[in-house]
Amino acid sequence: MSPNRVRSLASQSWLSLSAVLLITLGTPARSIAQSTAPARCDESCMSQALDKFLNGFKARNPQQAGLASAARYSENSIALPVGQGLWRTIDSIGDYRNAIFDPQRGEIGLFTSVVENGVPQLLSLRLKLQGNQVTEVEALVQRKQASRFINTDGLTLKPVWGEVVPPERRASRERLTEIANLYFDSLSKGSGEAVPFNDDVCERFENGIQTAGVTRVAPPVGVTPSGGSERRLMRCGQQFDSGSTTYIQSVTPRHVAAVDETRGLVFGMFYFQHPGDITTYRNPDGTEHKMPEAAIRPFTVPAAEVFKVVDDKIVAIEALAVTVPYGTPSPWGK
């Protein structure tokens, strides 16, 4: 046998041995990596993680809140160290709770109330999970000291939020996200034509106050409606058609965090941009109206918002919104 042939066979034998070693040694390594990765948290697991977080939160103890070691926290669009902000001032958490779980994304949305140093306030949270540990906490806190546009009295979770939508009446995850985006895209256009509202039943509540819907409910004593009483009393679609929302010139950034197809829910954190230079609006009949004074100044509104969709139409909306200086970015970059 020639020397070249010997070298060729030796090379082939080494390659074959290398392949065997890669297969036999590499497979256990991959198996170990897979076994140590956090298992996906289902809805029951997410509910338990939320309860654990809230218990630690109200105890003012991050160590009891189920946080990952590198967990991040923000409050009203400001990145804060875990343990600061509401962590230091919260007394208790109210009974009202509207929670949205998305095991596929690993995110939770929540609307609730809290007591802070003896004062009732409103709280919305976005939690990101890895396994059953919380890695991100995005909090919006509407405080009575900061705004008259808040109601914490008599908060009751309406049955519609927990009702399962029959399969034939459900929208897909993609469609639910699309509907939310159609809503935000249309705010500046003065028309709700592109938004699939069910105006026979649709109601919107912001900061515990009804701002659109079929039943005309007076605001609680001492509460100032957003955008004026005329806009507050309209149906969801009529409000868009009135032109009164055009001072909201864009909604960006947007982060759709949790989608629940079974209940027809889509939740996220959204930044409403108000440059303040639109001072009037026109109704469909051509009559011109002045924008409310609160709308004719530059400001940004980070908002948590959830939509309920049945038969491809929006039937309910809940939002919690705060006001920050114009152009304040999301600390999450989303």
Protein backbone atom coordinates (compact mmCIF):
# COMPACT_ATOMS: atom_id res chain seq x y z
CA MET A 1 0.00 0.00 0.00
CA SER A 2 1.36 3.42 -0.95
CA PRO A 3 2.22 6.00 1.74
CA ASN A 4 -0.44 8.34 0.35
CA ARG A 5 -3.08 5.59 0.65
CA VAL A 6 -2.07 4.95 4.28
CA ARG A 7 -2.32 8.65 5.10
CA SER A 8 -5.78 8.80 3.40
CA LEU A 9 -7.13 5.85 5.41
CA ALA A 10 -5.72 7.31 8.61
CA SER A 11 -7.39 10.63 7.88
CA GLN A 12 -10.74 8.96 7.18
CA SER A 13 -10.48 6.91 10.39
CA TRP A 14 -9.80 10.09 12.41
CA LEU A 15 -12.76 11.89 10.82
CA SER A 16 -15.03 8.91 11.56
CA LEU A 17 -13.80 8.78 15.16
CA SER A 18 -14.36 12.55 15.49
CA ALA A 19 -17.92 12.19 14.21
CA VAL A 20 -18.60 9.41 16.74
CA LEU A 21 -17.19 11.54 19.56
CA LEU A 22 -19.29 14.54 18.52
CA ILE A 23 -22.43 12.42 18.47
CA THR A 24 -21.76 10.57 21.71
CA LEU A 25 -20.36 13.51 23.63
CA GLY A 26 -22.43 16.31 22.06
CA THR A 27 -25.85 14.80 22.58
CA PRO A 28 -25.69 14.67 26.40
CA ALA A 29 -24.46 18.28 26.43
CA ARG A 30 -27.49 19.40 24.45
CA SER A 31 -29.79 17.32 26.65
CA ILE A 32 -28.36 18.92 29.78
CA ALA A 33 -28.86 22.41 28.29
CA GLN A 34 -32.44 21.59 27.40
CA SER A 35 -33.19 20.13 30.81
CA THR A 36 -31.90 23.23 32.63
CA ALA A 37 -33.91 25.71 30.49
CA PRO A 38 -37.01 27.04 32.33
CA ALA A 39 -40.18 25.17 31.41
CA ARG A 40 -42.94 27.27 29.87
CA CYS A 41 -45.32 28.58 32.51
CA ASP A 42 -48.98 27.77 31.74
CA GLU A 43 -51.89 29.96 32.85
CA SER A 44 -52.15 28.32 36.27
CA CYS A 45 -48.41 28.73 36.79
CA MET A 46 -48.60 32.38 35.67
CA SER A 47 -51.47 33.06 38.05
CA GLN A 48 -49.40 31.66 40.92
CA ALA A 49 -46.41 33.76 39.84
CA LEU A 50 -48.63 36.86 39.81
CA ASP A 51 -49.96 36.10 43.28
CA LYS A 52 -46.43 35.61 44.60
CA PHE A 53 -45.28 38.87 43.04
CA LEU A 54 -48.20 40.84 44.47
CA ASN A 55 -47.65 39.35 47.93
CA GLY A 56 -44.01 40.40 47.86
CA PHE A 57 -44.90 43.78 46.40
CA LYS A 58 -47.41 44.67 49.12
CA ALA A 59 -44.97 43.39 51.75
CA ARG A 60 -42.39 45.84 50.30
CA ASN A 61 -40.04 42.88 49.99
CA PRO A 62 -38.56 42.09 46.55
CA GLN A 63 -37.01 38.91 47.98
CA GLN A 64 -40.51 37.47 48.40
CA ALA A 65 -41.81 38.52 44.97
CA GLY A 66 -40.45 35.70 42.82
CA LEU A 67 -38.04 37.94 40.94
CA ALA A 68 -35.17 36.68 38.81
CA SER A 69 -31.73 37.82 39.97
CA ALA A 70 -31.42 40.36 37.13
CA ALA A 71 -35.05 41.56 37.18
CA ARG A 72 -35.74 45.10 35.97
CA TYR A 73 -38.37 47.57 37.17
CA SER A 74 -39.87 50.77 35.81
CA GLU A 75 -42.55 53.09 37.18
CA ASN A 76 -44.36 55.69 35.08
CA SER A 77 -41.74 55.40 32.31
CA ILE A 78 -38.73 55.79 34.63
CA ALA A 79 -36.32 52.91 35.15
CA LEU A 80 -35.82 52.43 38.89
CA PRO A 81 -33.87 49.96 41.01
CA VAL A 82 -36.02 47.11 42.24
CA GLY A 83 -37.29 48.11 45.68
CA GLN A 84 -37.72 51.81 44.88
CA GLY A 85 -40.85 53.80 43.99
CA LEU A 86 -44.11 52.12 44.92
CA TRP A 87 -42.15 49.27 46.52
CA ARG A 88 -41.39 51.67 49.40
CA THR A 89 -44.84 53.23 49.80
CA ILE A 90 -47.44 50.54 49.09
CA ASP A 91 -49.73 49.54 51.97
CA SER A 92 -52.08 47.05 50.34
CA ILE A 93 -53.60 45.83 47.07
CA GLY A 94 -57.33 46.10 46.40
CA ASP A 95 -59.77 43.36 45.49
CA TYR A 96 -60.28 44.63 41.93
CA ARG A 97 -58.17 42.60 39.52
CA ASN A 98 -58.39 42.31 35.74
CA ALA A 99 -55.56 39.97 34.72
CA ILE A 100 -54.53 38.85 31.23
CA PHE A 101 -52.22 35.85 30.83
CA ASP A 102 -50.26 34.84 27.74
CA PRO A 103 -48.23 31.63 28.26
CA GLN A 104 -46.99 31.77 24.67
CA ARG A 105 -45.31 35.15 25.18
CA GLY A 106 -44.64 34.66 28.88
CA GLU A 107 -46.26 38.00 29.77
CA ILE A 108 -49.01 39.11 32.14
CA GLY A 109 -51.14 42.25 32.17
CA LEU A 110 -52.94 43.49 35.27
CA PHE A 111 -55.29 46.28 36.31
CA THR A 112 -55.83 46.71 40.04
CA SER A 113 -55.95 49.26 42.84
CA VAL A 114 -53.57 49.89 45.72
CA VAL A 115 -53.35 51.95 48.87
CA GLU A 116 -50.17 54.02 49.11
CA ASN A 117 -49.38 55.69 52.41
CA GLY A 118 -53.09 55.64 53.18
CA VAL A 119 -54.21 57.03 49.77
CA PRO A 120 -56.14 54.86 47.26
CA GLN A 121 -54.44 54.76 43.84
CA LEU A 122 -54.68 52.78 40.58
CA LEU A 123 -52.02 50.38 39.31
CA SER A 124 -51.40 48.55 36.07
CA LEU A 125 -48.58 46.07 35.60
CA ARG A 126 -46.85 44.26 32.77
CA LEU A 127 -44.85 41.29 34.00
CA LYS A 128 -42.44 39.25 31.88
CA LEU A 129 -41.68 35.73 33.05
CA GLN A 130 -38.87 33.29 32.41
CA GLY A 131 -40.20 30.02 33.69
CA ASN A 132 -42.04 31.09 36.84
CA GLN A 133 -39.64 33.92 37.70
CA VAL A 134 -40.38 37.57 36.97
CA THR A 135 -37.70 39.24 34.82
CA GLU A 136 -39.48 42.49 33.91
CA VAL A 137 -41.91 44.68 35.84
CA GLU A 138 -43.44 47.67 34.04
CA ALA A 139 -45.69 49.63 36.41
CA LEU A 140 -48.03 52.52 35.73
CA VAL A 141 -49.38 54.19 38.87
CA GLN A 142 -52.12 56.81 38.61
CA ARG A 143 -52.02 58.84 41.81
CA LYS A 144 -54.72 61.12 43.16
CA GLN A 145 -52.09 63.68 44.09
CA ALA A 146 -51.09 63.95 40.43
CA SER A 147 -54.47 63.95 38.65
CA ARG A 148 -58.18 64.47 39.15
CA PHE A 149 -58.81 61.99 36.34
CA ILE A 150 -59.00 58.98 38.63
CA ASN A 151 -61.68 56.99 40.41
CA THR A 152 -60.94 54.23 42.90
CA ASP A 153 -64.43 53.87 44.37
CA GLY A 154 -66.77 50.97 43.59
CA LEU A 155 -64.45 49.19 41.16
CA THR A 156 -66.10 45.93 40.10
CA LEU A 157 -64.80 43.52 37.47
CA LYS A 158 -67.46 43.12 34.80
CA PRO A 159 -68.21 39.51 33.79
CA VAL A 160 -67.35 40.21 30.14
CA TRP A 161 -63.62 40.20 30.94
CA GLY A 162 -63.59 36.63 32.19
CA GLU A 163 -66.08 35.15 29.73
CA VAL A 164 -64.75 32.53 27.32
CA VAL A 165 -65.52 33.32 23.68
CA PRO A 166 -67.00 30.35 21.77
CA PRO A 167 -64.51 29.05 19.16
CA GLU A 168 -66.65 30.14 16.21
CA ARG A 169 -66.76 33.72 17.56
CA ARG A 170 -63.05 34.06 18.36
CA ALA A 171 -60.38 36.07 16.57
CA SER A 172 -56.87 34.75 16.03
CA ARG A 173 -53.86 36.14 17.87
CA GLU A 174 -52.85 37.99 14.74
CA ARG A 175 -56.29 39.47 14.24
CA LEU A 176 -56.56 40.60 17.87
CA THR A 177 -53.24 42.43 17.51
CA GLU A 178 -54.39 43.93 14.21
CA ILE A 179 -57.61 45.25 15.79
CA ALA A 180 -55.63 46.95 18.57
CA ASN A 181 -53.40 48.61 15.98
CA LEU A 182 -56.40 49.74 13.91
CA TYR A 183 -57.74 51.43 17.04
CA PHE A 184 -54.51 53.34 17.64
CA ASP A 185 -54.00 54.16 13.96
CA SER A 186 -57.44 55.75 13.78
CA LEU A 187 -57.23 58.08 16.79
CA SER A 188 -55.56 60.85 14.79
CA LYS A 189 -57.80 60.51 11.73
CA GLY A 190 -61.08 61.71 13.18
CA SER A 191 -62.83 58.58 11.96
CA GLY A 192 -63.64 55.21 13.47
CA GLU A 193 -64.58 53.66 10.15
CA ALA A 194 -61.59 51.30 10.14
CA VAL A 195 -62.10 50.18 13.76
CA PRO A 196 -64.48 47.25 14.30
CA PHE A 197 -66.48 48.56 17.27
CA ASN A 198 -69.70 46.93 18.42
CA ASP A 199 -71.27 50.27 19.29
CA ASP A 200 -74.42 48.60 20.61
CA VAL A 201 -72.52 47.37 23.67
CA CYS A 202 -68.98 48.82 23.62
CA GLU A 203 -67.85 50.63 26.77
CA ARG A 204 -64.50 52.13 27.63
CA PHE A 205 -63.26 52.83 31.15
CA GLU A 206 -60.10 54.85 31.76
CA ASN A 207 -58.62 55.24 35.23
CA GLY A 208 -61.82 53.83 36.70
CA ILE A 209 -64.06 56.32 34.84
CA GLN A 210 -66.41 55.57 31.96
CA THR A 211 -65.28 57.62 28.95
CA ALA A 212 -67.40 56.02 26.22
CA GLY A 213 -70.38 53.72 25.96
CA VAL A 214 -74.08 53.23 25.56
CA THR A 215 -75.11 54.00 29.14
CA ARG A 216 -74.45 57.58 30.15
CA VAL A 217 -72.89 57.51 33.59
CA ALA A 218 -72.02 60.74 35.38
CA PRO A 219 -68.43 60.91 36.67
CA PRO A 220 -67.93 60.57 40.43
CA VAL A 221 -68.01 63.78 42.46
CA GLY A 222 -64.70 65.62 42.25
CA VAL A 223 -63.55 63.69 39.16
CA THR A 224 -62.66 65.54 35.97
CA PRO A 225 -63.45 63.57 32.77
CA SER A 226 -60.71 63.32 30.13
CA GLY A 227 -61.43 65.38 27.04
CA GLY A 228 -64.61 66.99 28.38
CA SER A 229 -68.13 65.71 28.99
CA GLU A 230 -69.17 65.86 25.34
CA ARG A 231 -66.55 63.29 24.33
CA ARG A 232 -67.16 61.18 27.41
CA LEU A 233 -70.85 60.65 26.65
CA MET A 234 -70.41 59.27 23.12
CA ARG A 235 -70.40 55.68 21.97
CA CYS A 236 -66.99 54.19 21.19
CA GLY A 237 -67.18 54.62 17.42
CA GLN A 238 -69.05 57.93 17.56
CA GLN A 239 -66.25 59.37 19.69
CA PHE A 240 -63.71 58.64 16.98
CA ASP A 241 -66.01 60.04 14.29
CA SER A 242 -66.47 63.26 16.25
CA GLY A 243 -62.87 64.31 15.56
CA SER A 244 -62.24 64.96 19.24
CA THR A 245 -59.42 62.41 19.43
CA THR A 246 -57.28 64.03 16.73
CA TYR A 247 -55.07 65.82 19.27
CA ILE A 248 -53.56 62.35 19.82
CA GLN A 249 -51.30 62.54 16.78
CA SER A 250 -49.56 59.18 17.13
CA VAL A 251 -49.31 56.16 19.40
CA THR A 252 -45.69 55.02 19.53
CA PRO A 253 -44.01 52.97 20.79
CA ARG A 254 -46.50 50.15 21.08
CA HIS A 255 -45.92 46.86 22.85
CA VAL A 256 -48.59 44.19 22.58
CA ALA A 257 -47.67 42.12 25.61
CA ALA A 258 -50.42 39.55 26.18
CA VAL A 259 -53.00 37.95 23.91
CA ASP A 260 -55.67 35.55 25.15
CA GLU A 261 -57.56 34.06 22.21
CA THR A 262 -59.85 32.01 24.46
CA ARG A 263 -61.29 35.12 26.12
CA GLY A 264 -60.76 37.46 23.15
CA LEU A 265 -58.30 39.76 24.98
CA VAL A 266 -55.34 41.79 23.78
CA PHE A 267 -53.28 43.83 26.27
CA GLY A 268 -50.26 46.06 25.98
CA MET A 269 -48.39 49.20 26.89
CA PHE A 270 -48.78 52.13 24.50
CA TYR A 271 -47.40 55.67 24.34
CA PHE A 272 -49.87 58.37 23.21
CA GLN A 273 -48.08 61.40 21.76
CA HIS A 274 -49.74 64.84 22.10
CA PRO A 275 -47.66 67.63 20.49
CA GLY A 276 -50.28 70.16 21.62
CA ASP A 277 -50.58 72.12 18.36
CA ILE A 278 -54.07 70.91 17.34
CA THR A 279 -56.42 73.30 19.11
CA THR A 280 -59.72 72.64 17.33
CA TYR A 281 -61.61 69.75 15.79
CA ARG A 282 -64.57 69.34 13.43
CA ASN A 283 -67.62 67.15 13.89
CA PRO A 284 -68.94 65.18 10.89
CA ASP A 285 -71.46 67.98 10.26
CA GLY A 286 -68.61 70.47 9.85
CA THR A 287 -69.07 72.35 13.11
CA GLU A 288 -65.81 73.37 14.75
CA HIS A 289 -65.04 72.99 18.44
CA LYS A 290 -62.18 73.98 20.68
CA MET A 291 -60.05 71.24 22.13
CA PRO A 292 -60.15 71.05 25.94
CA GLU A 293 -57.42 73.05 27.63
CA ALA A 294 -55.80 69.86 28.89
CA ALA A 295 -55.18 68.77 25.28
CA ILE A 296 -53.48 71.91 23.96
CA ARG A 297 -50.06 71.44 25.52
CA PRO A 298 -47.23 69.02 24.68
CA PHE A 299 -47.38 65.84 26.74
CA THR A 300 -47.02 62.08 26.44
CA VAL A 301 -49.37 59.50 27.94
CA PRO A 302 -48.06 56.00 28.65
CA ALA A 303 -51.11 53.77 28.92
CA ALA A 304 -51.90 50.18 29.72
CA GLU A 305 -54.88 49.11 27.64
CA VAL A 306 -56.85 45.92 27.11
CA PHE A 307 -59.51 45.20 24.48
CA LYS A 308 -62.22 42.54 24.54
CA VAL A 309 -63.16 41.27 21.07
CA VAL A 310 -66.17 39.09 20.24
CA ASP A 311 -67.38 38.35 16.69
CA ASP A 312 -64.41 40.38 15.40
CA LYS A 313 -65.69 43.52 17.16
CA ILE A 314 -64.50 45.46 20.19
CA VAL A 315 -67.05 45.17 23.00
CA ALA A 316 -65.08 46.51 25.98
CA ILE A 317 -61.94 48.54 26.70
CA GLU A 318 -60.11 49.20 29.95
CA ALA A 319 -57.17 51.59 30.25
CA LEU A 320 -54.94 53.13 32.86
CA ALA A 321 -53.04 56.21 31.74
CA VAL A 322 -50.57 58.61 33.31
CA THR A 323 -49.06 61.86 32.04
CA VAL A 324 -45.32 62.40 31.56
CA PRO A 325 -43.29 65.14 29.83
CA TYR A 326 -43.63 65.19 26.05
CA GLY A 327 -41.21 62.85 24.34
CA THR A 328 -40.48 60.69 27.37
CA PRO A 329 -39.25 57.39 25.93
CA SER A 330 -40.19 53.93 27.09
CA PRO A 331 -37.43 52.56 29.32
CA TRP A 332 -38.04 49.19 27.67
CA GLY A 333 -37.29 50.31 24.12
CA LYS A 334 -40.37 48.55 22.79
